[in-house]
């Protein structure tokens, strides 16, 4: 949901695409092959 605040919907929104970066002290999100820009709808989904 935080990611969506930046205008991107991750279409594979599972824990396998979350990392922890100790340098930043926070969780991060990876793997954007299947993601869409919420403003335009551009992108790829696994439902393609």
ModelCIF file with pLDDT and N, C-alpha, C, O atoms, coordinates in Angstrom:
data_MODEL
#
_entry.id   MODEL 
#
_entity.id                         1 
_entity.type                       polymer 
_entity.pdbx_number_of_molecules   1 
#
_entity_poly.entity_id                      1 
_entity_poly.type                           'polypeptide(L)' 
_entity_poly.nstd_linkage                   no 
_entity_poly.nstd_monomer                   no 
_entity_poly.pdbx_seq_one_letter_code       
;(UNK)(UNK)(UNK)(UNK)(UNK)(UNK)(UNK)(UNK)(UNK)(UNK)(UNK)(UNK)(UNK)(UNK)(UNK)(UNK)
(UNK)(UNK)(UNK)(UNK)(UNK)(UNK)(UNK)(UNK)(UNK)(UNK)(UNK)(UNK)(UNK)(UNK)(UNK)(UNK)
(UNK)(UNK)(UNK)(UNK)(UNK)(UNK)(UNK)(UNK)(UNK)(UNK)(UNK)(UNK)(UNK)(UNK)(UNK)(UNK)
;
_entity_poly.pdbx_seq_one_letter_code_can   XXXXXXXXXXXXXXXXXXXXXXXXXXXXXXXXXXXXXXXXXXXXXXXX 
_entity_poly.pdbx_strand_id                 A 
#
loop_
_entity_poly_seq.entity_id 
_entity_poly_seq.num 
_entity_poly_seq.mon_id 
_entity_poly_seq.hetero 
1 1  UNK n 
1 2  UNK n 
1 3  UNK n 
1 4  UNK n 
1 5  UNK n 
1 6  UNK n 
1 7  UNK n 
1 8  UNK n 
1 9  UNK n 
1 10 UNK n 
1 11 UNK n 
1 12 UNK n 
1 13 UNK n 
1 14 UNK n 
1 15 UNK n 
1 16 UNK n 
1 17 UNK n 
1 18 UNK n 
1 19 UNK n 
1 20 UNK n 
1 21 UNK n 
1 22 UNK n 
1 23 UNK n 
1 24 UNK n 
1 25 UNK n 
1 26 UNK n 
1 27 UNK n 
1 28 UNK n 
1 29 UNK n 
1 30 UNK n 
1 31 UNK n 
1 32 UNK n 
1 33 UNK n 
1 34 UNK n 
1 35 UNK n 
1 36 UNK n 
1 37 UNK n 
1 38 UNK n 
1 39 UNK n 
1 40 UNK n 
1 41 UNK n 
1 42 UNK n 
1 43 UNK n 
1 44 UNK n 
1 45 UNK n 
1 46 UNK n 
1 47 UNK n 
1 48 UNK n 
#
_struct_asym.id          A 
_struct_asym.entity_id   1 
#
loop_
_ma_qa_metric.id 
_ma_qa_metric.mode 
_ma_qa_metric.name 
_ma_qa_metric.software_group_id 
_ma_qa_metric.type 
1 global pLDDT . pLDDT 
2 local  pLDDT . pLDDT 
#
_ma_qa_metric_global.metric_id      1 
_ma_qa_metric_global.metric_value   94.73 
_ma_qa_metric_global.model_id       1 
_ma_qa_metric_global.ordinal_id     1 
#
loop_
_ma_qa_metric_local.label_asym_id 
_ma_qa_metric_local.label_comp_id 
_ma_qa_metric_local.label_seq_id 
_ma_qa_metric_local.metric_id 
_ma_qa_metric_local.metric_value 
_ma_qa_metric_local.model_id 
_ma_qa_metric_local.ordinal_id 
A UNK 1  2 98.00 1 1  
A UNK 2  2 98.00 1 2  
A UNK 3  2 98.00 1 3  
A UNK 4  2 98.00 1 4  
A UNK 5  2 98.00 1 5  
A UNK 6  2 98.00 1 6  
A UNK 7  2 98.00 1 7  
A UNK 8  2 98.00 1 8  
A UNK 9  2 98.00 1 9  
A UNK 10 2 97.00 1 10 
A UNK 11 2 95.00 1 11 
A UNK 12 2 94.00 1 12 
A UNK 13 2 95.00 1 13 
A UNK 14 2 96.00 1 14 
A UNK 15 2 96.00 1 15 
A UNK 16 2 94.00 1 16 
A UNK 17 2 96.00 1 17 
A UNK 18 2 97.00 1 18 
A UNK 19 2 96.00 1 19 
A UNK 20 2 97.00 1 20 
A UNK 21 2 95.00 1 21 
A UNK 22 2 94.00 1 22 
A UNK 23 2 90.00 1 23 
A UNK 24 2 90.00 1 24 
A UNK 25 2 95.00 1 25 
A UNK 26 2 97.00 1 26 
A UNK 27 2 98.00 1 27 
A UNK 28 2 98.00 1 28 
A UNK 29 2 98.00 1 29 
A UNK 30 2 97.00 1 30 
A UNK 31 2 96.00 1 31 
A UNK 32 2 97.00 1 32 
A UNK 33 2 96.00 1 33 
A UNK 34 2 96.00 1 34 
A UNK 35 2 97.00 1 35 
A UNK 36 2 97.00 1 36 
A UNK 37 2 98.00 1 37 
A UNK 38 2 96.00 1 38 
A UNK 39 2 95.00 1 39 
A UNK 40 2 95.00 1 40 
A UNK 41 2 93.00 1 41 
A UNK 42 2 94.00 1 42 
A UNK 43 2 94.00 1 43 
A UNK 44 2 89.00 1 44 
A UNK 45 2 87.00 1 45 
A UNK 46 2 81.00 1 46 
A UNK 47 2 81.00 1 47 
A UNK 48 2 78.00 1 48 
#
loop_
_atom_site.group_PDB 
_atom_site.id 
_atom_site.type_symbol 
_atom_site.label_atom_id 
_atom_site.label_alt_id 
_atom_site.label_comp_id 
_atom_site.label_asym_id 
_atom_site.label_entity_id 
_atom_site.label_seq_id 
_atom_site.pdbx_PDB_ins_code 
_atom_site.Cartn_x 
_atom_site.Cartn_y 
_atom_site.Cartn_z 
_atom_site.occupancy 
_atom_site.B_iso_or_equiv 
_atom_site.pdbx_formal_charge 
_atom_site.auth_seq_id 
_atom_site.auth_comp_id 
_atom_site.auth_asym_id 
_atom_site.auth_atom_id 
_atom_site.pdbx_PDB_model_num 
ATOM 1   N N  . UNK A 1 1  ? 0.839  -1.208  0.000   1.00 98.00 ? 1  UNK A N  1 
ATOM 2   C CA . UNK A 1 1  ? 0.000  0.000   0.000   1.00 98.00 ? 1  UNK A CA 1 
ATOM 3   C C  . UNK A 1 1  ? 0.873  1.257   0.000   1.00 98.00 ? 1  UNK A C  1 
ATOM 4   O O  . UNK A 1 1  ? 0.542  2.241   -0.662  1.00 98.00 ? 1  UNK A O  1 
ATOM 5   N N  . UNK A 1 2  ? 1.976  1.228   0.733   1.00 98.00 ? 2  UNK A N  1 
ATOM 6   C CA . UNK A 1 2  ? 2.917  2.357   0.725   1.00 98.00 ? 2  UNK A CA 1 
ATOM 7   C C  . UNK A 1 2  ? 3.445  2.584   -0.686  1.00 98.00 ? 2  UNK A C  1 
ATOM 8   O O  . UNK A 1 2  ? 3.562  3.723   -1.135  1.00 98.00 ? 2  UNK A O  1 
ATOM 9   N N  . UNK A 1 3  ? 3.762  1.497   -1.380  1.00 98.00 ? 3  UNK A N  1 
ATOM 10  C CA . UNK A 1 3  ? 4.231  1.587   -2.762  1.00 98.00 ? 3  UNK A CA 1 
ATOM 11  C C  . UNK A 1 3  ? 3.176  2.249   -3.648  1.00 98.00 ? 3  UNK A C  1 
ATOM 12  O O  . UNK A 1 3  ? 3.510  3.068   -4.504  1.00 98.00 ? 3  UNK A O  1 
ATOM 13  N N  . UNK A 1 4  ? 1.917  1.901   -3.448  1.00 98.00 ? 4  UNK A N  1 
ATOM 14  C CA . UNK A 1 4  ? 0.848  2.484   -4.253  1.00 98.00 ? 4  UNK A CA 1 
ATOM 15  C C  . UNK A 1 4  ? 0.756  3.995   -4.053  1.00 98.00 ? 4  UNK A C  1 
ATOM 16  O O  . UNK A 1 4  ? 0.303  4.719   -4.940  1.00 98.00 ? 4  UNK A O  1 
ATOM 17  N N  . UNK A 1 5  ? 1.188  4.465   -2.882  1.00 98.00 ? 5  UNK A N  1 
ATOM 18  C CA . UNK A 1 5  ? 1.241  5.907   -2.646  1.00 98.00 ? 5  UNK A CA 1 
ATOM 19  C C  . UNK A 1 5  ? 2.225  6.617   -3.572  1.00 98.00 ? 5  UNK A C  1 
ATOM 20  O O  . UNK A 1 5  ? 2.150  7.833   -3.752  1.00 98.00 ? 5  UNK A O  1 
ATOM 21  N N  . UNK A 1 6  ? 3.141  5.861   -4.152  1.00 98.00 ? 6  UNK A N  1 
ATOM 22  C CA . UNK A 1 6  ? 4.093  6.407   -5.123  1.00 98.00 ? 6  UNK A CA 1 
ATOM 23  C C  . UNK A 1 6  ? 3.613  6.207   -6.558  1.00 98.00 ? 6  UNK A C  1 
ATOM 24  O O  . UNK A 1 6  ? 4.332  6.535   -7.503  1.00 98.00 ? 6  UNK A O  1 
ATOM 25  N N  . UNK A 1 7  ? 2.400  5.670   -6.730  1.00 98.00 ? 7  UNK A N  1 
ATOM 26  C CA . UNK A 1 7  ? 1.825  5.542   -8.061  1.00 98.00 ? 7  UNK A CA 1 
ATOM 27  C C  . UNK A 1 7  ? 2.088  4.235   -8.766  1.00 98.00 ? 7  UNK A C  1 
ATOM 28  O O  . UNK A 1 7  ? 1.971  4.167   -9.990  1.00 98.00 ? 7  UNK A O  1 
ATOM 29  N N  . UNK A 1 8  ? 2.442  3.182   -8.026  1.00 98.00 ? 8  UNK A N  1 
ATOM 30  C CA . UNK A 1 8  ? 2.718  1.882   -8.643  1.00 98.00 ? 8  UNK A CA 1 
ATOM 31  C C  . UNK A 1 8  ? 1.971  0.788   -7.887  1.00 98.00 ? 8  UNK A C  1 
ATOM 32  O O  . UNK A 1 8  ? 2.015  0.712   -6.659  1.00 98.00 ? 8  UNK A O  1 
ATOM 33  N N  . UNK A 1 9  ? 1.283  -0.058  -8.657  1.00 98.00 ? 9  UNK A N  1 
ATOM 34  C CA . UNK A 1 9  ? 0.642  -1.239  -8.093  1.00 98.00 ? 9  UNK A CA 1 
ATOM 35  C C  . UNK A 1 9  ? 1.487  -2.445  -8.473  1.00 98.00 ? 9  UNK A C  1 
ATOM 36  O O  . UNK A 1 9  ? 1.652  -2.750  -9.655  1.00 98.00 ? 9  UNK A O  1 
ATOM 37  N N  . UNK A 1 10 ? 2.011  -3.117  -7.486  1.00 97.00 ? 10 UNK A N  1 
ATOM 38  C CA . UNK A 1 10 ? 2.807  -4.328  -7.709  1.00 97.00 ? 10 UNK A CA 1 
ATOM 39  C C  . UNK A 1 10 ? 1.835  -5.461  -7.967  1.00 97.00 ? 10 UNK A C  1 
ATOM 40  O O  . UNK A 1 10 ? 0.976  -5.740  -7.130  1.00 97.00 ? 10 UNK A O  1 
ATOM 41  N N  . UNK A 1 11 ? 1.954  -6.113  -9.099  1.00 95.00 ? 11 UNK A N  1 
ATOM 42  C CA . UNK A 1 11 ? 1.002  -7.154  -9.485  1.00 95.00 ? 11 UNK A CA 1 
ATOM 43  C C  . UNK A 1 11 ? 1.409  -8.536  -8.985  1.00 95.00 ? 11 UNK A C  1 
ATOM 44  O O  . UNK A 1 11 ? 0.749  -9.529  -9.293  1.00 95.00 ? 11 UNK A O  1 
ATOM 45  N N  . UNK A 1 12 ? 2.484  -8.602  -8.223  1.00 94.00 ? 12 UNK A N  1 
ATOM 46  C CA . UNK A 1 12 ? 2.943  -9.854  -7.607  1.00 94.00 ? 12 UNK A CA 1 
ATOM 47  C C  . UNK A 1 12 ? 3.257  -9.534  -6.147  1.00 94.00 ? 12 UNK A C  1 
ATOM 48  O O  . UNK A 1 12 ? 4.376  -9.735  -5.676  1.00 94.00 ? 12 UNK A O  1 
ATOM 49  N N  . UNK A 1 13 ? 2.244  -9.032  -5.445  1.00 95.00 ? 13 UNK A N  1 
ATOM 50  C CA . UNK A 1 13 ? 2.402  -8.462  -4.102  1.00 95.00 ? 13 UNK A CA 1 
ATOM 51  C C  . UNK A 1 13 ? 2.435  -9.546  -3.023  1.00 95.00 ? 13 UNK A C  1 
ATOM 52  O O  . UNK A 1 13 ? 1.488  -9.717  -2.255  1.00 95.00 ? 13 UNK A O  1 
ATOM 53  N N  . UNK A 1 14 ? 3.547  -10.267 -2.989  1.00 96.00 ? 14 UNK A N  1 
ATOM 54  C CA . UNK A 1 14 ? 3.718  -11.334 -2.014  1.00 96.00 ? 14 UNK A CA 1 
ATOM 55  C C  . UNK A 1 14 ? 5.023  -11.139 -1.258  1.00 96.00 ? 14 UNK A C  1 
ATOM 56  O O  . UNK A 1 14 ? 5.916  -10.421 -1.708  1.00 96.00 ? 14 UNK A O  1 
ATOM 57  N N  . UNK A 1 15 ? 5.119  -11.783 -0.116  1.00 96.00 ? 15 UNK A N  1 
ATOM 58  C CA . UNK A 1 15 ? 6.301  -11.651 0.741   1.00 96.00 ? 15 UNK A CA 1 
ATOM 59  C C  . UNK A 1 15 ? 7.593  -12.025 0.017   1.00 96.00 ? 15 UNK A C  1 
ATOM 60  O O  . UNK A 1 15 ? 8.657  -11.518 0.370   1.00 96.00 ? 15 UNK A O  1 
ATOM 61  N N  . UNK A 1 16 ? 7.524  -12.890 -0.976  1.00 94.00 ? 16 UNK A N  1 
ATOM 62  C CA . UNK A 1 16 ? 8.739  -13.284 -1.710  1.00 94.00 ? 16 UNK A CA 1 
ATOM 63  C C  . UNK A 1 16 ? 9.409  -12.098 -2.406  1.00 94.00 ? 16 UNK A C  1 
ATOM 64  O O  . UNK A 1 16 ? 10.574 -12.181 -2.796  1.00 94.00 ? 16 UNK A O  1 
ATOM 65  N N  . UNK A 1 17 ? 8.672  -10.999 -2.560  1.00 96.00 ? 17 UNK A N  1 
ATOM 66  C CA . UNK A 1 17 ? 9.212  -9.805  -3.202  1.00 96.00 ? 17 UNK A CA 1 
ATOM 67  C C  . UNK A 1 17 ? 9.519  -8.698  -2.213  1.00 96.00 ? 17 UNK A C  1 
ATOM 68  O O  . UNK A 1 17 ? 9.555  -7.521  -2.572  1.00 96.00 ? 17 UNK A O  1 
ATOM 69  N N  . UNK A 1 18 ? 9.740  -9.085  -0.964  1.00 97.00 ? 18 UNK A N  1 
ATOM 70  C CA . UNK A 1 18 ? 10.127 -8.136  0.077   1.00 97.00 ? 18 UNK A CA 1 
ATOM 71  C C  . UNK A 1 18 ? 11.496 -8.519  0.618   1.00 97.00 ? 18 UNK A C  1 
ATOM 72  O O  . UNK A 1 18 ? 11.773 -9.686  0.894   1.00 97.00 ? 18 UNK A O  1 
ATOM 73  N N  . UNK A 1 19 ? 12.338 -7.513  0.762   1.00 96.00 ? 19 UNK A N  1 
ATOM 74  C CA . UNK A 1 19 ? 13.669 -7.712  1.335   1.00 96.00 ? 19 UNK A CA 1 
ATOM 75  C C  . UNK A 1 19 ? 13.805 -6.818  2.561   1.00 96.00 ? 19 UNK A C  1 
ATOM 76  O O  . UNK A 1 19 ? 12.978 -5.942  2.815   1.00 96.00 ? 19 UNK A O  1 
ATOM 77  N N  . UNK A 1 20 ? 14.860 -7.064  3.305   1.00 97.00 ? 20 UNK A N  1 
ATOM 78  C CA . UNK A 1 20 ? 15.182 -6.154  4.406   1.00 97.00 ? 20 UNK A CA 1 
ATOM 79  C C  . UNK A 1 20 ? 16.581 -5.627  4.164   1.00 97.00 ? 20 UNK A C  1 
ATOM 80  O O  . UNK A 1 20 ? 17.524 -6.397  3.986   1.00 97.00 ? 20 UNK A O  1 
ATOM 81  N N  . UNK A 1 21 ? 16.711 -4.306  4.159   1.00 95.00 ? 21 UNK A N  1 
ATOM 82  C CA . UNK A 1 21 ? 18.002 -3.661  3.933   1.00 95.00 ? 21 UNK A CA 1 
ATOM 83  C C  . UNK A 1 21 ? 18.509 -3.109  5.261   1.00 95.00 ? 21 UNK A C  1 
ATOM 84  O O  . UNK A 1 21 ? 17.993 -2.099  5.741   1.00 95.00 ? 21 UNK A O  1 
ATOM 85  N N  . UNK A 1 22 ? 19.504 -3.748  5.860   1.00 94.00 ? 22 UNK A N  1 
ATOM 86  C CA . UNK A 1 22 ? 19.999 -3.286  7.162   1.00 94.00 ? 22 UNK A CA 1 
ATOM 87  C C  . UNK A 1 22 ? 20.661 -1.911  7.097   1.00 94.00 ? 22 UNK A C  1 
ATOM 88  O O  . UNK A 1 22 ? 20.681 -1.194  8.098   1.00 94.00 ? 22 UNK A O  1 
ATOM 89  N N  . UNK A 1 23 ? 21.203 -1.529  5.935   1.00 90.00 ? 23 UNK A N  1 
ATOM 90  C CA . UNK A 1 23 ? 21.810 -0.202  5.800   1.00 90.00 ? 23 UNK A CA 1 
ATOM 91  C C  . UNK A 1 23 ? 20.754 0.893   5.928   1.00 90.00 ? 23 UNK A C  1 
ATOM 92  O O  . UNK A 1 23 ? 20.995 1.944   6.522   1.00 90.00 ? 23 UNK A O  1 
ATOM 93  N N  . UNK A 1 24 ? 19.575 0.623   5.355   1.00 90.00 ? 24 UNK A N  1 
ATOM 94  C CA . UNK A 1 24 ? 18.476 1.590   5.403   1.00 90.00 ? 24 UNK A CA 1 
ATOM 95  C C  . UNK A 1 24 ? 17.602 1.376   6.635   1.00 90.00 ? 24 UNK A C  1 
ATOM 96  O O  . UNK A 1 24 ? 16.848 2.264   7.033   1.00 90.00 ? 24 UNK A O  1 
ATOM 97  N N  . UNK A 1 25 ? 17.708 0.195   7.234   1.00 95.00 ? 25 UNK A N  1 
ATOM 98  C CA . UNK A 1 25 ? 16.893 -0.112  8.399   1.00 95.00 ? 25 UNK A CA 1 
ATOM 99  C C  . UNK A 1 25 ? 15.420 -0.214  8.074   1.00 95.00 ? 25 UNK A C  1 
ATOM 100 O O  . UNK A 1 25 ? 14.569 0.208   8.856   1.00 95.00 ? 25 UNK A O  1 
ATOM 101 N N  . UNK A 1 26 ? 15.118 -0.788  6.889   1.00 97.00 ? 26 UNK A N  1 
ATOM 102 C CA . UNK A 1 26 ? 13.714 -0.891  6.501   1.00 97.00 ? 26 UNK A CA 1 
ATOM 103 C C  . UNK A 1 26 ? 13.501 -2.014  5.494   1.00 97.00 ? 26 UNK A C  1 
ATOM 104 O O  . UNK A 1 26 ? 14.435 -2.526  4.876   1.00 97.00 ? 26 UNK A O  1 
ATOM 105 N N  . UNK A 1 27 ? 12.229 -2.371  5.360   1.00 98.00 ? 27 UNK A N  1 
ATOM 106 C CA . UNK A 1 27 ? 11.844 -3.331  4.338   1.00 98.00 ? 27 UNK A CA 1 
ATOM 107 C C  . UNK A 1 27 ? 11.817 -2.638  2.987   1.00 98.00 ? 27 UNK A C  1 
ATOM 108 O O  . UNK A 1 27 ? 11.534 -1.444  2.892   1.00 98.00 ? 27 UNK A O  1 
ATOM 109 N N  . UNK A 1 28 ? 12.116 -3.405  1.938   1.00 98.00 ? 28 UNK A N  1 
ATOM 110 C CA . UNK A 1 28 ? 12.117 -2.899  0.569   1.00 98.00 ? 28 UNK A CA 1 
ATOM 111 C C  . UNK A 1 28 ? 11.296 -3.847  -0.306  1.00 98.00 ? 28 UNK A C  1 
ATOM 112 O O  . UNK A 1 28 ? 11.002 -4.976  0.086   1.00 98.00 ? 28 UNK A O  1 
ATOM 113 N N  . UNK A 1 29 ? 10.938 -3.374  -1.479  1.00 98.00 ? 29 UNK A N  1 
ATOM 114 C CA . UNK A 1 29 ? 10.174 -4.176  -2.430  1.00 98.00 ? 29 UNK A CA 1 
ATOM 115 C C  . UNK A 1 29 ? 10.995 -4.338  -3.703  1.00 98.00 ? 29 UNK A C  1 
ATOM 116 O O  . UNK A 1 29 ? 11.617 -3.389  -4.181  1.00 98.00 ? 29 UNK A O  1 
ATOM 117 N N  . UNK A 1 30 ? 10.987 -5.556  -4.246  1.00 97.00 ? 30 UNK A N  1 
ATOM 118 C CA . UNK A 1 30 ? 11.755 -5.872  -5.453  1.00 97.00 ? 30 UNK A CA 1 
ATOM 119 C C  . UNK A 1 30 ? 10.845 -6.517  -6.496  1.00 97.00 ? 30 UNK A C  1 
ATOM 120 O O  . UNK A 1 30 ? 9.671  -6.778  -6.237  1.00 97.00 ? 30 UNK A O  1 
ATOM 121 N N  . UNK A 1 31 ? 11.400 -6.764  -7.662  1.00 96.00 ? 31 UNK A N  1 
ATOM 122 C CA . UNK A 1 31 ? 10.797 -7.562  -8.732  1.00 96.00 ? 31 UNK A CA 1 
ATOM 123 C C  . UNK A 1 31 ? 9.556  -6.904  -9.319  1.00 96.00 ? 31 UNK A C  1 
ATOM 124 O O  . UNK A 1 31 ? 8.429  -7.219  -8.937  1.00 96.00 ? 31 UNK A O  1 
ATOM 125 N N  . UNK A 1 32 ? 9.779  -5.987  -10.251 1.00 97.00 ? 32 UNK A N  1 
ATOM 126 C CA . UNK A 1 32 ? 8.701  -5.196  -10.835 1.00 97.00 ? 32 UNK A CA 1 
ATOM 127 C C  . UNK A 1 32 ? 8.362  -5.590  -12.268 1.00 97.00 ? 32 UNK A C  1 
ATOM 128 O O  . UNK A 1 32 ? 7.865  -4.764  -13.034 1.00 97.00 ? 32 UNK A O  1 
ATOM 129 N N  . UNK A 1 33 ? 8.627  -6.845  -12.639 1.00 96.00 ? 33 UNK A N  1 
ATOM 130 C CA . UNK A 1 33 ? 8.243  -7.314  -13.972 1.00 96.00 ? 33 UNK A CA 1 
ATOM 131 C C  . UNK A 1 33 ? 6.740  -7.170  -14.170 1.00 96.00 ? 33 UNK A C  1 
ATOM 132 O O  . UNK A 1 33 ? 6.272  -6.797  -15.246 1.00 96.00 ? 33 UNK A O  1 
ATOM 133 N N  . UNK A 1 34 ? 5.998  -7.473  -13.115 1.00 96.00 ? 34 UNK A N  1 
ATOM 134 C CA . UNK A 1 34 ? 4.544  -7.382  -13.138 1.00 96.00 ? 34 UNK A CA 1 
ATOM 135 C C  . UNK A 1 34 ? 4.132  -6.258  -12.205 1.00 96.00 ? 34 UNK A C  1 
ATOM 136 O O  . UNK A 1 34 ? 3.987  -6.451  -10.998 1.00 96.00 ? 34 UNK A O  1 
ATOM 137 N N  . UNK A 1 35 ? 3.949  -5.091  -12.781 1.00 97.00 ? 35 UNK A N  1 
ATOM 138 C CA . UNK A 1 35 ? 3.557  -3.904  -12.028 1.00 97.00 ? 35 UNK A CA 1 
ATOM 139 C C  . UNK A 1 35 ? 2.903  -2.940  -13.004 1.00 97.00 ? 35 UNK A C  1 
ATOM 140 O O  . UNK A 1 35 ? 3.176  -2.964  -14.204 1.00 97.00 ? 35 UNK A O  1 
ATOM 141 N N  . UNK A 1 36 ? 2.028  -2.087  -12.463 1.00 97.00 ? 36 UNK A N  1 
ATOM 142 C CA . UNK A 1 36 ? 1.365  -1.097  -13.305 1.00 97.00 ? 36 UNK A CA 1 
ATOM 143 C C  . UNK A 1 36 ? 1.470  0.282   -12.674 1.00 97.00 ? 36 UNK A C  1 
ATOM 144 O O  . UNK A 1 36 ? 1.527  0.427   -11.453 1.00 97.00 ? 36 UNK A O  1 
ATOM 145 N N  . UNK A 1 37 ? 1.493  1.288   -13.537 1.00 98.00 ? 37 UNK A N  1 
ATOM 146 C CA . UNK A 1 37 ? 1.449  2.672   -13.081 1.00 98.00 ? 37 UNK A CA 1 
ATOM 147 C C  . UNK A 1 37 ? -0.018 3.004   -12.849 1.00 98.00 ? 37 UNK A C  1 
ATOM 148 O O  . UNK A 1 37 ? -0.829 2.919   -13.771 1.00 98.00 ? 37 UNK A O  1 
ATOM 149 N N  . UNK A 1 38 ? -0.359 3.377   -11.635 1.00 96.00 ? 38 UNK A N  1 
ATOM 150 C CA . UNK A 1 38 ? -1.774 3.555   -11.301 1.00 96.00 ? 38 UNK A CA 1 
ATOM 151 C C  . UNK A 1 38 ? -2.420 4.710   -12.065 1.00 96.00 ? 38 UNK A C  1 
ATOM 152 O O  . UNK A 1 38 ? -3.614 4.659   -12.360 1.00 96.00 ? 38 UNK A O  1 
ATOM 153 N N  . UNK A 1 39 ? -1.664 5.728   -12.382 1.00 95.00 ? 39 UNK A N  1 
ATOM 154 C CA . UNK A 1 39 ? -2.230 6.886   -13.074 1.00 95.00 ? 39 UNK A CA 1 
ATOM 155 C C  . UNK A 1 39 ? -2.667 6.555   -14.494 1.00 95.00 ? 39 UNK A C  1 
ATOM 156 O O  . UNK A 1 39 ? -3.707 7.030   -14.950 1.00 95.00 ? 39 UNK A O  1 
ATOM 157 N N  . UNK A 1 40 ? -1.876 5.740   -15.198 1.00 95.00 ? 40 UNK A N  1 
ATOM 158 C CA . UNK A 1 40 ? -2.158 5.458   -16.611 1.00 95.00 ? 40 UNK A CA 1 
ATOM 159 C C  . UNK A 1 40 ? -2.635 4.031   -16.865 1.00 95.00 ? 40 UNK A C  1 
ATOM 160 O O  . UNK A 1 40 ? -3.225 3.745   -17.907 1.00 95.00 ? 40 UNK A O  1 
ATOM 161 N N  . UNK A 1 41 ? -2.378 3.136   -15.910 1.00 93.00 ? 41 UNK A N  1 
ATOM 162 C CA . UNK A 1 41 ? -2.710 1.730   -16.112 1.00 93.00 ? 41 UNK A CA 1 
ATOM 163 C C  . UNK A 1 41 ? -1.688 0.985   -16.944 1.00 93.00 ? 41 UNK A C  1 
ATOM 164 O O  . UNK A 1 41 ? -1.856 -0.201  -17.226 1.00 93.00 ? 41 UNK A O  1 
ATOM 165 N N  . UNK A 1 42 ? -0.612 1.685   -17.344 1.00 94.00 ? 42 UNK A N  1 
ATOM 166 C CA . UNK A 1 42 ? 0.443  1.041   -18.136 1.00 94.00 ? 42 UNK A CA 1 
ATOM 167 C C  . UNK A 1 42 ? 1.165  0.006   -17.291 1.00 94.00 ? 42 UNK A C  1 
ATOM 168 O O  . UNK A 1 42 ? 1.369  0.198   -16.093 1.00 94.00 ? 42 UNK A O  1 
ATOM 169 N N  . UNK A 1 43 ? 1.548  -1.094  -17.928 1.00 94.00 ? 43 UNK A N  1 
ATOM 170 C CA . UNK A 1 43 ? 2.319  -2.108  -17.233 1.00 94.00 ? 43 UNK A CA 1 
ATOM 171 C C  . UNK A 1 43 ? 1.884  -3.503  -17.616 1.00 94.00 ? 43 UNK A C  1 
ATOM 172 O O  . UNK A 1 43 ? 1.154  -3.699  -18.587 1.00 94.00 ? 43 UNK A O  1 
ATOM 173 N N  . UNK A 1 44 ? 2.339  -4.460  -16.848 1.00 89.00 ? 44 UNK A N  1 
ATOM 174 C CA . UNK A 1 44 ? 2.025  -5.868  -17.084 1.00 89.00 ? 44 UNK A CA 1 
ATOM 175 C C  . UNK A 1 44 ? 1.425  -6.468  -15.830 1.00 89.00 ? 44 UNK A C  1 
ATOM 176 O O  . UNK A 1 44 ? 1.817  -6.139  -14.710 1.00 89.00 ? 44 UNK A O  1 
ATOM 177 N N  . UNK A 1 45 ? 0.469  -7.351  -16.037 1.00 87.00 ? 45 UNK A N  1 
ATOM 178 C CA . UNK A 1 45 ? -0.083 -8.120  -14.926 1.00 87.00 ? 45 UNK A CA 1 
ATOM 179 C C  . UNK A 1 45 ? 0.062  -9.598  -15.251 1.00 87.00 ? 45 UNK A C  1 
ATOM 180 O O  . UNK A 1 45 ? 0.231  -9.976  -16.411 1.00 87.00 ? 45 UNK A O  1 
ATOM 181 N N  . UNK A 1 46 ? -0.004 -10.412 -14.242 1.00 81.00 ? 46 UNK A N  1 
ATOM 182 C CA . UNK A 1 46 ? 0.057  -11.859 -14.466 1.00 81.00 ? 46 UNK A CA 1 
ATOM 183 C C  . UNK A 1 46 ? -1.217 -12.354 -15.135 1.00 81.00 ? 46 UNK A C  1 
ATOM 184 O O  . UNK A 1 46 ? -1.270 -13.490 -15.605 1.00 81.00 ? 46 UNK A O  1 
ATOM 185 N N  . UNK A 1 47 ? -2.240 -11.513 -15.179 1.00 81.00 ? 47 UNK A N  1 
ATOM 186 C CA . UNK A 1 47 ? -3.500 -11.861 -15.841 1.00 81.00 ? 47 UNK A CA 1 
ATOM 187 C C  . UNK A 1 47 ? -3.481 -11.522 -17.342 1.00 81.00 ? 47 UNK A C  1 
ATOM 188 O O  . UNK A 1 47 ? -4.457 -11.784 -18.044 1.00 81.00 ? 47 UNK A O  1 
ATOM 189 N N  . UNK A 1 48 ? -2.401 -10.954 -17.824 1.00 78.00 ? 48 UNK A N  1 
ATOM 190 C CA . UNK A 1 48 ? -2.275 -10.620 -19.243 1.00 78.00 ? 48 UNK A CA 1 
ATOM 191 C C  . UNK A 1 48 ? -2.534 -11.889 -20.067 1.00 78.00 ? 48 UNK A C  1 
ATOM 192 O O  . UNK A 1 48 ? -2.482 -11.848 -21.296 1.00 78.00 ? 48 UNK A O  1 
#
